[in-house]
Amino acid sequence: MADTIFQKIIDGEAEADIVHEDDRCVAFRDRNPVAPTHILIVPRKPIPGLDDLADEDADLIGHLHVVARDIAREEGLRDGYRTVINTGDDGGQTVWHLHLHLIGGRRMEWPPG
């Protein structure tokens, strides 16, 4: 997989407002937020997209969601929030490194887009 901006952030080669780091993922504020809180949670493992997950990545995907829950609590998102994984061109994916969006701080509408 080619280096992406997310990989550069993970490797410390690009700046980001990091809100969480552990041995499995890095979370940072989106540079183009769609809500008052918009955080990207990115696995350190370079997986291009959801369709590229291996069966053994199930625990990693669960971990990303647990991290999202914890960050939502830290950010005070008591009235709710949304998590999104965009997959492929038609799904709106623009960076080919799997990532989970944590979006909150305003009322979410349905359908989304």
PDB file of N, CA and C in Angstrom:
ATOM      1  N   MET A   1       0.849  -1.175   0.000  1.00  0.00           N
ATOM      2  CA  MET A   1       0.000   0.000   0.000  1.00  0.00           C
ATOM      3  C   MET A   1       0.891   1.233   0.000  1.00  0.00           C
ATOM      4  N   ALA A   2       0.559   2.192  -0.842  1.00  0.00           N
ATOM      5  CA  ALA A   2       1.319   3.435  -0.904  1.00  0.00           C
ATOM      6  C   ALA A   2       1.111   4.240   0.376  1.00  0.00           C
ATOM      7  N   ASP A   3       2.102   5.062   0.699  1.00  0.00           N
ATOM      8  CA  ASP A   3       1.961   5.937   1.858  1.00  0.00           C
ATOM      9  C   ASP A   3       0.767   6.863   1.664  1.00  0.00           C
ATOM     10  N   THR A   4      -0.035   6.965   2.691  1.00  0.00           N
ATOM     11  CA  THR A   4      -1.153   7.900   2.697  1.00  0.00           C
ATOM     12  C   THR A   4      -0.863   8.964   3.743  1.00  0.00           C
ATOM     13  N   ILE A   5      -1.642  10.009   3.748  1.00  0.00           N
ATOM     14  CA  ILE A   5      -1.485  11.028   4.778  1.00  0.00           C
ATOM     15  C   ILE A   5      -1.690  10.409   6.154  1.00  0.00           C
ATOM     16  N   PHE A   6      -2.575   9.425   6.272  1.00  0.00           N
ATOM     17  CA  PHE A   6      -2.806   8.786   7.561  1.00  0.00           C
ATOM     18  C   PHE A   6      -1.567   8.013   8.012  1.00  0.00           C
ATOM     19  N   GLN A   7      -0.915   7.321   7.092  1.00  0.00           N
ATOM     20  CA  GLN A   7       0.300   6.599   7.449  1.00  0.00           C
ATOM     21  C   GLN A   7       1.388   7.572   7.873  1.00  0.00           C
ATOM     22  N   LYS A   8       1.455   8.709   7.212  1.00  0.00           N
ATOM     23  CA  LYS A   8       2.447   9.722   7.585  1.00  0.00           C
ATOM     24  C   LYS A   8       2.168  10.273   8.981  1.00  0.00           C
ATOM     25  N   ILE A   9       0.890  10.444   9.328  1.00  0.00           N
ATOM     26  CA  ILE A   9       0.535  10.874  10.686  1.00  0.00           C
ATOM     27  C   ILE A   9       0.931   9.800  11.682  1.00  0.00           C
ATOM     28  N   ILE A  10       0.612   8.554  11.395  1.00  0.00           N
ATOM     29  CA  ILE A  10       0.966   7.435  12.280  1.00  0.00           C
ATOM     30  C   ILE A  10       2.470   7.380  12.492  1.00  0.00           C
ATOM     31  N   ASP A  11       3.237   7.598  11.429  1.00  0.00           N
ATOM     32  CA  ASP A  11       4.700   7.527  11.490  1.00  0.00           C
ATOM     33  C   ASP A  11       5.342   8.805  12.037  1.00  0.00           C
ATOM     34  N   GLY A  12       4.537   9.812  12.345  1.00  0.00           N
ATOM     35  CA  GLY A  12       5.071  11.066  12.870  1.00  0.00           C
ATOM     36  C   GLY A  12       5.675  11.970  11.817  1.00  0.00           C
ATOM     37  N   GLU A  13       5.381  11.707  10.552  1.00  0.00           N
ATOM     38  CA  GLU A  13       5.932  12.504   9.450  1.00  0.00           C
ATOM     39  C   GLU A  13       5.016  13.647   9.042  1.00  0.00           C
ATOM     40  N   ALA A  14       3.784  13.658   9.537  1.00  0.00           N
ATOM     41  CA  ALA A  14       2.832  14.735   9.264  1.00  0.00           C
ATOM     42  C   ALA A  14       2.157  15.102  10.579  1.00  0.00           C
ATOM     43  N   GLU A  15       1.831  16.375  10.707  1.00  0.00           N
ATOM     44  CA  GLU A  15       1.216  16.855  11.941  1.00  0.00           C
ATOM     45  C   GLU A  15      -0.272  16.541  11.981  1.00  0.00           C
ATOM     46  N   ALA A  16      -0.754  16.340  13.198  1.00  0.00           N
ATOM     47  CA  ALA A  16      -2.184  16.137  13.430  1.00  0.00           C
ATOM     48  C   ALA A  16      -2.470  16.455  14.887  1.00  0.00           C
ATOM     49  N   ASP A  17      -3.714  16.801  15.163  1.00  0.00           N
ATOM     50  CA  ASP A  17      -4.163  17.038  16.529  1.00  0.00           C
ATOM     51  C   ASP A  17      -4.604  15.684  17.095  1.00  0.00           C
ATOM     52  N   ILE A  18      -3.652  14.954  17.644  1.00  0.00           N
ATOM     53  CA  ILE A  18      -3.886  13.585  18.113  1.00  0.00           C
ATOM     54  C   ILE A  18      -4.590  13.622  19.467  1.00  0.00           C
ATOM     55  N   VAL A  19      -5.673  12.850  19.565  1.00  0.00           N
ATOM     56  CA  VAL A  19      -6.441  12.781  20.816  1.00  0.00           C
ATOM     57  C   VAL A  19      -6.305  11.419  21.499  1.00  0.00           C
ATOM     58  N   HIS A  20      -5.758  10.433  20.785  1.00  0.00           N
ATOM     59  CA  HIS A  20      -5.580   9.091  21.366  1.00  0.00           C
ATOM     60  C   HIS A  20      -4.528   8.347  20.554  1.00  0.00           C
ATOM     61  N   GLU A  21      -3.708   7.595  21.268  1.00  0.00           N
ATOM     62  CA  GLU A  21      -2.744   6.689  20.631  1.00  0.00           C
ATOM     63  C   GLU A  21      -2.624   5.459  21.490  1.00  0.00           C
ATOM     64  N   ASP A  22      -2.561   4.307  20.852  1.00  0.00           N
ATOM     65  CA  ASP A  22      -2.216   3.079  21.545  1.00  0.00           C
ATOM     66  C   ASP A  22      -1.465   2.193  20.556  1.00  0.00           C
ATOM     67  N   ASP A  23      -1.211   0.964  20.925  1.00  0.00           N
ATOM     68  CA  ASP A  23      -0.405   0.099  20.063  1.00  0.00           C
ATOM     69  C   ASP A  23      -1.147  -0.363  18.812  1.00  0.00           C
ATOM     70  N   ARG A  24      -2.474  -0.123  18.736  1.00  0.00           N
ATOM     71  CA  ARG A  24      -3.267  -0.599  17.602  1.00  0.00           C
ATOM     72  C   ARG A  24      -3.831   0.502  16.715  1.00  0.00           C
ATOM     73  N   CYS A  25      -3.945   1.729  17.258  1.00  0.00           N
ATOM     74  CA  CYS A  25      -4.550   2.797  16.464  1.00  0.00           C
ATOM     75  C   CYS A  25      -4.104   4.178  16.931  1.00  0.00           C
ATOM     76  N   VAL A  26      -4.410   5.161  16.081  1.00  0.00           N
ATOM     77  CA  VAL A  26      -4.181   6.567  16.369  1.00  0.00           C
ATOM     78  C   VAL A  26      -5.480   7.300  16.032  1.00  0.00           C
ATOM     79  N   ALA A  27      -5.879   8.232  16.886  1.00  0.00           N
ATOM     80  CA  ALA A  27      -7.079   9.025  16.637  1.00  0.00           C
ATOM     81  C   ALA A  27      -6.705  10.499  16.642  1.00  0.00           C
ATOM     82  N   PHE A  28      -7.238  11.230  15.671  1.00  0.00           N
ATOM     83  CA  PHE A  28      -6.919  12.649  15.550  1.00  0.00           C
ATOM     84  C   PHE A  28      -8.094  13.397  14.943  1.00  0.00           C
ATOM     85  N   ARG A  29      -8.107  14.704  15.180  1.00  0.00           N
ATOM     86  CA  ARG A  29      -9.193  15.548  14.678  1.00  0.00           C
ATOM     87  C   ARG A  29      -9.087  15.700  13.165  1.00  0.00           C
ATOM     88  N   ASP A  30     -10.247  15.585  12.507  1.00  0.00           N
ATOM     89  CA  ASP A  30     -10.317  15.747  11.059  1.00  0.00           C
ATOM     90  C   ASP A  30      -9.996  17.189  10.694  1.00  0.00           C
ATOM     91  N   ARG A  31      -9.205  17.381   9.653  1.00  0.00           N
ATOM     92  CA  ARG A  31      -8.833  18.734   9.221  1.00  0.00           C
ATOM     93  C   ARG A  31      -9.980  19.460   8.534  1.00  0.00           C
ATOM     94  N   ASN A  32     -10.973  18.717   8.075  1.00  0.00           N
ATOM     95  CA  ASN A  32     -12.151  19.296   7.425  1.00  0.00           C
ATOM     96  C   ASN A  32     -13.402  18.756   8.113  1.00  0.00           C
ATOM     97  N   PRO A  33     -13.652  19.193   9.339  1.00  0.00           N
ATOM     98  CA  PRO A  33     -14.744  18.608  10.118  1.00  0.00           C
ATOM     99  C   PRO A  33     -16.124  18.924   9.539  1.00  0.00           C
ATOM    100  N   VAL A  34     -17.038  17.953   9.678  1.00  0.00           N
ATOM    101  CA  VAL A  34     -18.425  18.137   9.256  1.00  0.00           C
ATOM    102  C   VAL A  34     -19.340  18.382  10.448  1.00  0.00           C
ATOM    103  N   ALA A  35     -18.762  18.425  11.638  1.00  0.00           N
ATOM    104  CA  ALA A  35     -19.505  18.649  12.878  1.00  0.00           C
ATOM    105  C   ALA A  35     -18.524  19.204  13.905  1.00  0.00           C
ATOM    106  N   PRO A  36     -19.037  19.739  15.016  1.00  0.00           N
ATOM    107  CA  PRO A  36     -18.138  20.267  16.040  1.00  0.00           C
ATOM    108  C   PRO A  36     -17.095  19.255  16.523  1.00  0.00           C
ATOM    109  N   THR A  37     -17.478  18.003  16.630  1.00  0.00           N
ATOM    110  CA  THR A  37     -16.520  16.935  16.922  1.00  0.00           C
ATOM    111  C   THR A  37     -16.444  16.031  15.708  1.00  0.00           C
ATOM    112  N   HIS A  38     -15.259  15.903  15.132  1.00  0.00           N
ATOM    113  CA  HIS A  38     -15.045  15.002  13.989  1.00  0.00           C
ATOM    114  C   HIS A  38     -13.634  14.447  14.136  1.00  0.00           C
ATOM    115  N   ILE A  39     -13.571  13.214  14.587  1.00  0.00           N
ATOM    116  CA  ILE A  39     -12.296  12.565  14.878  1.00  0.00           C
ATOM    117  C   ILE A  39     -12.169  11.321  14.018  1.00  0.00           C
ATOM    118  N   LEU A  40     -10.988  11.102  13.484  1.00  0.00           N
ATOM    119  CA  LEU A  40     -10.694   9.912  12.690  1.00  0.00           C
ATOM    120  C   LEU A  40      -9.904   8.938  13.551  1.00  0.00           C
ATOM    121  N   ILE A  41     -10.333   7.692  13.543  1.00  0.00           N
ATOM    122  CA  ILE A  41      -9.664   6.640  14.303  1.00  0.00           C
ATOM    123  C   ILE A  41      -9.095   5.672  13.272  1.00  0.00           C
ATOM    124  N   VAL A  42      -7.768   5.586  13.249  1.00  0.00           N
ATOM    125  CA  VAL A  42      -7.057   4.907  12.163  1.00  0.00           C
ATOM    126  C   VAL A  42      -6.208   3.773  12.729  1.00  0.00           C
ATOM    127  N   PRO A  43      -6.378   2.558  12.207  1.00  0.00           N
ATOM    128  CA  PRO A  43      -5.513   1.476  12.679  1.00  0.00           C
ATOM    129  C   PRO A  43      -4.074   1.691  12.232  1.00  0.00           C
ATOM    130  N   ARG A  44      -3.139   1.287  13.072  1.00  0.00           N
ATOM    131  CA  ARG A  44      -1.728   1.361  12.674  1.00  0.00           C
ATOM    132  C   ARG A  44      -1.445   0.381  11.533  1.00  0.00           C
ATOM    133  N   LYS A  45      -2.171  -0.717  11.507  1.00  0.00           N
ATOM    134  CA  LYS A  45      -2.022  -1.698  10.431  1.00  0.00           C
ATOM    135  C   LYS A  45      -2.535  -1.064   9.140  1.00  0.00           C
ATOM    136  N   PRO A  46      -1.736  -1.048   8.083  1.00  0.00           N
ATOM    137  CA  PRO A  46      -2.154  -0.398   6.834  1.00  0.00           C
ATOM    138  C   PRO A  46      -3.132  -1.259   6.025  1.00  0.00           C
ATOM    139  N   ILE A  47      -4.416  -1.082   6.276  1.00  0.00           N
ATOM    140  CA  ILE A  47      -5.470  -1.794   5.559  1.00  0.00           C
ATOM    141  C   ILE A  47      -6.136  -0.766   4.648  1.00  0.00           C
ATOM    142  N   PRO A  48      -6.144  -0.985   3.322  1.00  0.00           N
ATOM    143  CA  PRO A  48      -6.697   0.032   2.420  1.00  0.00           C
ATOM    144  C   PRO A  48      -8.168   0.371   2.687  1.00  0.00           C
ATOM    145  N   GLY A  49      -8.992  -0.617   2.941  1.00  0.00           N
ATOM    146  CA  GLY A  49     -10.411  -0.361   3.156  1.00  0.00           C
ATOM    147  C   GLY A  49     -11.094  -1.549   3.803  1.00  0.00           C
ATOM    148  N   LEU A  50     -12.358  -1.391   4.111  1.00  0.00           N
ATOM    149  CA  LEU A  50     -13.121  -2.433   4.788  1.00  0.00           C
ATOM    150  C   LEU A  50     -13.134  -3.741   4.002  1.00  0.00           C
ATOM    151  N   ASP A  51     -13.182  -3.647   2.671  1.00  0.00           N
ATOM    152  CA  ASP A  51     -13.180  -4.853   1.844  1.00  0.00           C
ATOM    153  C   ASP A  51     -11.858  -5.617   1.913  1.00  0.00           C
ATOM    154  N   ASP A  52     -10.827  -4.990   2.448  1.00  0.00           N
ATOM    155  CA  ASP A  52      -9.509  -5.613   2.523  1.00  0.00           C
ATOM    156  C   ASP A  52      -9.229  -6.249   3.878  1.00  0.00           C
ATOM    157  N   LEU A  53     -10.208  -6.237   4.773  1.00  0.00           N
ATOM    158  CA  LEU A  53     -10.023  -6.851   6.091  1.00  0.00           C
ATOM    159  C   LEU A  53      -9.824  -8.347   5.972  1.00  0.00           C
ATOM    160  N   ALA A  54      -8.943  -8.865   6.780  1.00  0.00           N
ATOM    161  CA  ALA A  54      -8.793 -10.312   6.928  1.00  0.00           C
ATOM    162  C   ALA A  54      -9.635 -10.740   8.131  1.00  0.00           C
ATOM    163  N   ASP A  55      -9.990 -11.995   8.194  1.00  0.00           N
ATOM    164  CA  ASP A  55     -10.793 -12.490   9.315  1.00  0.00           C
ATOM    165  C   ASP A  55     -10.130 -12.170  10.651  1.00  0.00           C
ATOM    166  N   GLU A  56      -8.810 -12.224  10.685  1.00  0.00           N
ATOM    167  CA  GLU A  56      -8.110 -11.962  11.946  1.00  0.00           C
ATOM    168  C   GLU A  56      -8.128 -10.483  12.355  1.00  0.00           C
ATOM    169  N   ASP A  57      -8.684  -9.605  11.508  1.00  0.00           N
ATOM    170  CA  ASP A  57      -8.796  -8.194  11.838  1.00  0.00           C
ATOM    171  C   ASP A  57     -10.076  -7.851  12.604  1.00  0.00           C
ATOM    172  N   ALA A  58     -10.904  -8.849  12.881  1.00  0.00           N
ATOM    173  CA  ALA A  58     -12.178  -8.600  13.573  1.00  0.00           C
ATOM    174  C   ALA A  58     -11.950  -7.914  14.917  1.00  0.00           C
ATOM    175  N   ASP A  59     -10.974  -8.371  15.681  1.00  0.00           N
ATOM    176  CA  ASP A  59     -10.694  -7.745  16.973  1.00  0.00           C
ATOM    177  C   ASP A  59     -10.240  -6.295  16.807  1.00  0.00           C
ATOM    178  N   LEU A  60      -9.491  -6.016  15.765  1.00  0.00           N
ATOM    179  CA  LEU A  60      -9.029  -4.653  15.503  1.00  0.00           C
ATOM    180  C   LEU A  60     -10.211  -3.723  15.236  1.00  0.00           C
ATOM    181  N   ILE A  61     -11.161  -4.166  14.426  1.00  0.00           N
ATOM    182  CA  ILE A  61     -12.335  -3.352  14.129  1.00  0.00           C
ATOM    183  C   ILE A  61     -13.144  -3.104  15.403  1.00  0.00           C
ATOM    184  N   GLY A  62     -13.264  -4.112  16.229  1.00  0.00           N
ATOM    185  CA  GLY A  62     -13.931  -3.931  17.517  1.00  0.00           C
ATOM    186  C   GLY A  62     -13.187  -2.927  18.378  1.00  0.00           C
ATOM    187  N   HIS A  63     -11.883  -2.992  18.368  1.00  0.00           N
ATOM    188  CA  HIS A  63     -11.070  -2.060  19.153  1.00  0.00           C
ATOM    189  C   HIS A  63     -11.302  -0.616  18.704  1.00  0.00           C
ATOM    190  N   LEU A  64     -11.379  -0.385  17.388  1.00  0.00           N
ATOM    191  CA  LEU A  64     -11.619   0.965  16.888  1.00  0.00           C
ATOM    192  C   LEU A  64     -12.931   1.521  17.431  1.00  0.00           C
ATOM    193  N   HIS A  65     -13.948   0.661  17.527  1.00  0.00           N
ATOM    194  CA  HIS A  65     -15.247   1.098  18.051  1.00  0.00           C
ATOM    195  C   HIS A  65     -15.201   1.361  19.562  1.00  0.00           C
ATOM    196  N   VAL A  66     -14.455   0.566  20.291  1.00  0.00           N
ATOM    197  CA  VAL A  66     -14.303   0.818  21.727  1.00  0.00           C
ATOM    198  C   VAL A  66     -13.574   2.139  21.947  1.00  0.00           C
ATOM    199  N   VAL A  67     -12.561   2.400  21.151  1.00  0.00           N
ATOM    200  CA  VAL A  67     -11.848   3.679  21.235  1.00  0.00           C
ATOM    201  C   VAL A  67     -12.802   4.823  20.898  1.00  0.00           C
ATOM    202  N   ALA A  68     -13.644   4.645  19.882  1.00  0.00           N
ATOM    203  CA  ALA A  68     -14.620   5.675  19.530  1.00  0.00           C
ATOM    204  C   ALA A  68     -15.548   5.959  20.704  1.00  0.00           C
ATOM    205  N   ARG A  69     -16.016   4.917  21.357  1.00  0.00           N
ATOM    206  CA  ARG A  69     -16.880   5.093  22.528  1.00  0.00           C
ATOM    207  C   ARG A  69     -16.175   5.893  23.611  1.00  0.00           C
ATOM    208  N   ASP A  70     -14.939   5.532  23.894  1.00  0.00           N
ATOM    209  CA  ASP A  70     -14.186   6.212  24.951  1.00  0.00           C
ATOM    210  C   ASP A  70     -13.934   7.677  24.606  1.00  0.00           C
ATOM    211  N   ILE A  71     -13.577   7.946  23.366  1.00  0.00           N
ATOM    212  CA  ILE A  71     -13.343   9.332  22.951  1.00  0.00           C
ATOM    213  C   ILE A  71     -14.647  10.123  23.008  1.00  0.00           C
ATOM    214  N   ALA A  72     -15.749   9.525  22.585  1.00  0.00           N
ATOM    215  CA  ALA A  72     -17.048  10.209  22.645  1.00  0.00           C
ATOM    216  C   ALA A  72     -17.356  10.627  24.077  1.00  0.00           C
ATOM    217  N   ARG A  73     -17.074   9.763  25.036  1.00  0.00           N
ATOM    218  CA  ARG A  73     -17.282  10.114  26.446  1.00  0.00           C
ATOM    219  C   ARG A  73     -16.376  11.269  26.853  1.00  0.00           C
ATOM    220  N   GLU A  74     -15.103  11.196  26.453  1.00  0.00           N
ATOM    221  CA  GLU A  74     -14.149  12.257  26.793  1.00  0.00           C
ATOM    222  C   GLU A  74     -14.545  13.593  26.164  1.00  0.00           C
ATOM    223  N   GLU A  75     -15.138  13.544  24.981  1.00  0.00           N
ATOM    224  CA  GLU A  75     -15.539  14.753  24.260  1.00  0.00           C
ATOM    225  C   GLU A  75     -16.890  15.278  24.738  1.00  0.00           C
ATOM    226  N   GLY A  76     -17.544  14.546  25.646  1.00  0.00           N
ATOM    227  CA  GLY A  76     -18.823  14.989  26.190  1.00  0.00           C
ATOM    228  C   GLY A  76     -19.999  14.815  25.254  1.00  0.00           C
ATOM    229  N   LEU A  77     -19.944  13.841  24.385  1.00  0.00           N
ATOM    230  CA  LEU A  77     -21.022  13.610  23.422  1.00  0.00           C
ATOM    231  C   LEU A  77     -22.136  12.780  24.069  1.00  0.00           C
ATOM    232  N   ARG A  78     -22.771  13.355  25.065  1.00  0.00           N
ATOM    233  CA  ARG A  78     -23.775  12.657  25.870  1.00  0.00           C
ATOM    234  C   ARG A  78     -25.099  12.444  25.140  1.00  0.00           C
ATOM    235  N   ASP A  79     -25.400  13.288  24.158  1.00  0.00           N
ATOM    236  CA  ASP A  79     -26.676  13.186  23.454  1.00  0.00           C
ATOM    237  C   ASP A  79     -26.590  12.326  22.202  1.00  0.00           C
ATOM    238  N   GLY A  80     -25.441  11.734  21.956  1.00  0.00           N
ATOM    239  CA  GLY A  80     -25.294  10.843  20.808  1.00  0.00           C
ATOM    240  C   GLY A  80     -24.197  11.279  19.861  1.00  0.00           C
ATOM    241  N   TYR A  81     -23.896  10.381  18.957  1.00  0.00           N
ATOM    242  CA  TYR A  81     -22.857  10.614  17.959  1.00  0.00           C
ATOM    243  C   TYR A  81     -23.023   9.570  16.869  1.00  0.00           C
ATOM    244  N   ARG A  82     -22.246   9.719  15.817  1.00  0.00           N
ATOM    245  CA  ARG A  82     -22.306   8.779  14.695  1.00  0.00           C
ATOM    246  C   ARG A  82     -20.904   8.249  14.431  1.00  0.00           C
ATOM    247  N   THR A  83     -20.819   6.968  14.089  1.00  0.00           N
ATOM    248  CA  THR A  83     -19.572   6.386  13.601  1.00  0.00           C
ATOM    249  C   THR A  83     -19.810   5.928  12.171  1.00  0.00           C
ATOM    250  N   VAL A  84     -18.811   6.164  11.323  1.00  0.00           N
ATOM    251  CA  VAL A  84     -18.950   5.860   9.901  1.00  0.00           C
ATOM    252  C   VAL A  84     -17.635   5.303   9.383  1.00  0.00           C
ATOM    253  N   ILE A  85     -17.733   4.271   8.558  1.00  0.00           N
ATOM    254  CA  ILE A  85     -16.584   3.803   7.774  1.00  0.00           C
ATOM    255  C   ILE A  85     -17.003   3.883   6.310  1.00  0.00           C
ATOM    256  N   ASN A  86     -16.407   4.802   5.567  1.00  0.00           N
ATOM    257  CA  ASN A  86     -16.675   4.905   4.139  1.00  0.00           C
ATOM    258  C   ASN A  86     -15.847   3.841   3.421  1.00  0.00           C
ATOM    259  N   THR A  87     -16.464   3.180   2.444  1.00  0.00           N
ATOM    260  CA  THR A  87     -15.789   2.096   1.734  1.00  0.00           C
ATOM    261  C   THR A  87     -15.933   2.281   0.233  1.00  0.00           C
ATOM    262  N   GLY A  88     -14.816   2.406  -0.457  1.00  0.00           N
ATOM    263  CA  GLY A  88     -14.813   2.515  -1.913  1.00  0.00           C
ATOM    264  C   GLY A  88     -15.232   3.888  -2.411  1.00  0.00           C
ATOM    265  N   ASP A  89     -15.088   4.080  -3.706  1.00  0.00           N
ATOM    266  CA  ASP A  89     -15.412   5.362  -4.328  1.00  0.00           C
ATOM    267  C   ASP A  89     -16.869   5.762  -4.094  1.00  0.00           C
ATOM    268  N   ASP A  90     -17.790   4.860  -4.371  1.00  0.00           N
ATOM    269  CA  ASP A  90     -19.205   5.187  -4.203  1.00  0.00           C
ATOM    270  C   ASP A  90     -19.591   5.365  -2.742  1.00  0.00           C
ATOM    271  N   GLY A  91     -18.814   4.802  -1.827  1.00  0.00           N
ATOM    272  CA  GLY A  91     -19.062   4.971  -0.409  1.00  0.00           C
ATOM    273  C   GLY A  91     -18.461   6.247   0.157  1.00  0.00           C
ATOM    274  N   GLY A  92     -17.741   6.995  -0.682  1.00  0.00           N
ATOM    275  CA  GLY A  92     -17.172   8.265  -0.255  1.00  0.00           C
ATOM    276  C   GLY A  92     -15.782   8.172   0.336  1.00  0.00           C
ATOM    277  N   GLN A  93     -15.113   7.026   0.174  1.00  0.00           N
ATOM    278  CA  GLN A  93     -13.757   6.895   0.719  1.00  0.00           C
ATOM    279  C   GLN A  93     -12.785   7.711  -0.128  1.00  0.00           C
ATOM    280  N   THR A  94     -11.985   8.553   0.531  1.00  0.00           N
ATOM    281  CA  THR A  94     -11.030   9.394  -0.198  1.00  0.00           C
ATOM    282  C   THR A  94      -9.583   9.105   0.183  1.00  0.00           C
ATOM    283  N   VAL A  95      -9.369   8.469   1.326  1.00  0.00           N
ATOM    284  CA  VAL A  95      -8.021   8.073   1.731  1.00  0.00           C
ATOM    285  C   VAL A  95      -8.030   6.555   1.849  1.00  0.00           C
ATOM    286  N   TRP A  96      -7.124   5.908   1.149  1.00  0.00           N
ATOM    287  CA  TRP A  96      -7.114   4.443   1.077  1.00  0.00           C
ATOM    288  C   TRP A  96      -6.311   3.837   2.217  1.00  0.00           C
ATOM    289  N   HIS A  97      -6.748   4.185   3.412  1.00  0.00           N
ATOM    290  CA  HIS A  97      -6.275   3.595   4.663  1.00  0.00           C
ATOM    291  C   HIS A  97      -7.532   3.565   5.539  1.00  0.00           C
ATOM    292  N   LEU A  98      -7.971   2.377   5.869  1.00  0.00           N
ATOM    293  CA  LEU A  98      -9.195   2.211   6.649  1.00  0.00           C
ATOM    294  C   LEU A  98      -9.225   3.189   7.817  1.00  0.00           C
ATOM    295  N   HIS A  99     -10.381   3.808   8.056  1.00  0.00           N
ATOM    296  CA  HIS A  99     -10.527   4.725   9.183  1.00  0.00           C
ATOM    297  C   HIS A  99     -11.990   4.842   9.561  1.00  0.00           C
ATOM    298  N   LEU A 100     -12.192   5.078  10.833  1.00  0.00           N
ATOM    299  CA  LEU A 100     -13.527   5.236  11.405  1.00  0.00           C
ATOM    300  C   LEU A 100     -13.716   6.705  11.752  1.00  0.00           C
ATOM    301  N   HIS A 101     -14.804   7.301  11.271  1.00  0.00           N
ATOM    302  CA  HIS A 101     -15.148   8.678  11.620  1.00  0.00           C
ATOM    303  C   HIS A 101     -16.002   8.655  12.876  1.00  0.00           C
ATOM    304  N   LEU A 102     -15.656   9.484  13.844  1.00  0.00           N
ATOM    305  CA  LEU A 102     -16.483   9.737  15.024  1.00  0.00           C
ATOM    306  C   LEU A 102     -16.986  11.163  14.869  1.00  0.00           C
ATOM    307  N   ILE A 103     -18.309  11.322  14.706  1.00  0.00           N
ATOM    308  CA  ILE A 103     -18.901  12.623  14.393  1.00  0.00           C
ATOM    309  C   ILE A 103     -19.967  12.936  15.429  1.00  0.00           C
ATOM    310  N   GLY A 104     -19.906  14.124  16.009  1.00  0.00           N
ATOM    311  CA  GLY A 104     -20.913  14.500  16.991  1.00  0.00           C
ATOM    312  C   GLY A 104     -20.867  15.973  17.321  1.00  0.00           C
ATOM    313  N   GLY A 105     -21.662  16.339  18.311  1.00  0.00           N
ATOM    314  CA  GLY A 105     -21.727  17.726  18.734  1.00  0.00           C
ATOM    315  C   GLY A 105     -22.832  18.501  18.054  1.00  0.00           C
ATOM    316  N   ARG A 106     -23.601  17.834  17.225  1.00  0.00           N
ATOM    317  CA  ARG A 106     -24.786  18.415  16.594  1.00  0.00           C
ATOM    318  C   ARG A 106     -25.734  17.266  16.271  1.00  0.00           C
ATOM    319  N   ARG A 107     -26.979  17.603  15.984  1.00  0.00           N
ATOM    320  CA  ARG A 107     -27.958  16.571  15.632  1.00  0.00           C
ATOM    321  C   ARG A 107     -27.647  16.019  14.245  1.00  0.00           C
ATOM    322  N   MET A 108     -27.616  14.714  14.127  1.00  0.00           N
ATOM    323  CA  MET A 108     -27.378  14.058  12.855  1.00  0.00           C
ATOM    324  C   MET A 108     -28.719  13.859  12.135  1.00  0.00           C
ATOM    325  N   GLU A 109     -28.713  14.007  10.843  1.00  0.00           N
ATOM    326  CA  GLU A 109     -29.914  13.815  10.032  1.00  0.00           C
ATOM    327  C   GLU A 109     -29.865  12.466   9.320  1.00  0.00           C
ATOM    328  N   TRP A 110     -31.012  12.006   8.863  1.00  0.00           N
ATOM    329  CA  TRP A 110     -31.087  10.754   8.098  1.00  0.00           C
ATOM    330  C   TRP A 110     -32.025  10.962   6.934  1.00  0.00           C
ATOM    331  N   PRO A 111     -31.690  10.509   5.740  1.00  0.00           N
ATOM    332  CA  PRO A 111     -30.463   9.790   5.425  1.00  0.00           C
ATOM    333  C   PRO A 111     -29.258  10.712   5.345  1.00  0.00           C
ATOM    334  N   PRO A 112     -28.061  10.135   5.540  1.00  0.00           N
ATOM    335  CA  PRO A 112     -26.858  10.962   5.574  1.00  0.00           C
ATOM    336  C   PRO A 112     -26.303  11.322   4.196  1.00  0.00           C
ATOM    337  N   GLY A 113     -26.508  11.673   3.283  1.00  0.00           N
ATOM    338  CA  GLY A 113     -25.767  11.916   2.078  1.00  0.00           C
ATOM    339  C   GLY A 113     -26.254  11.400   0.824  1.00  0.00           C
TER     340      GLY A 113
END
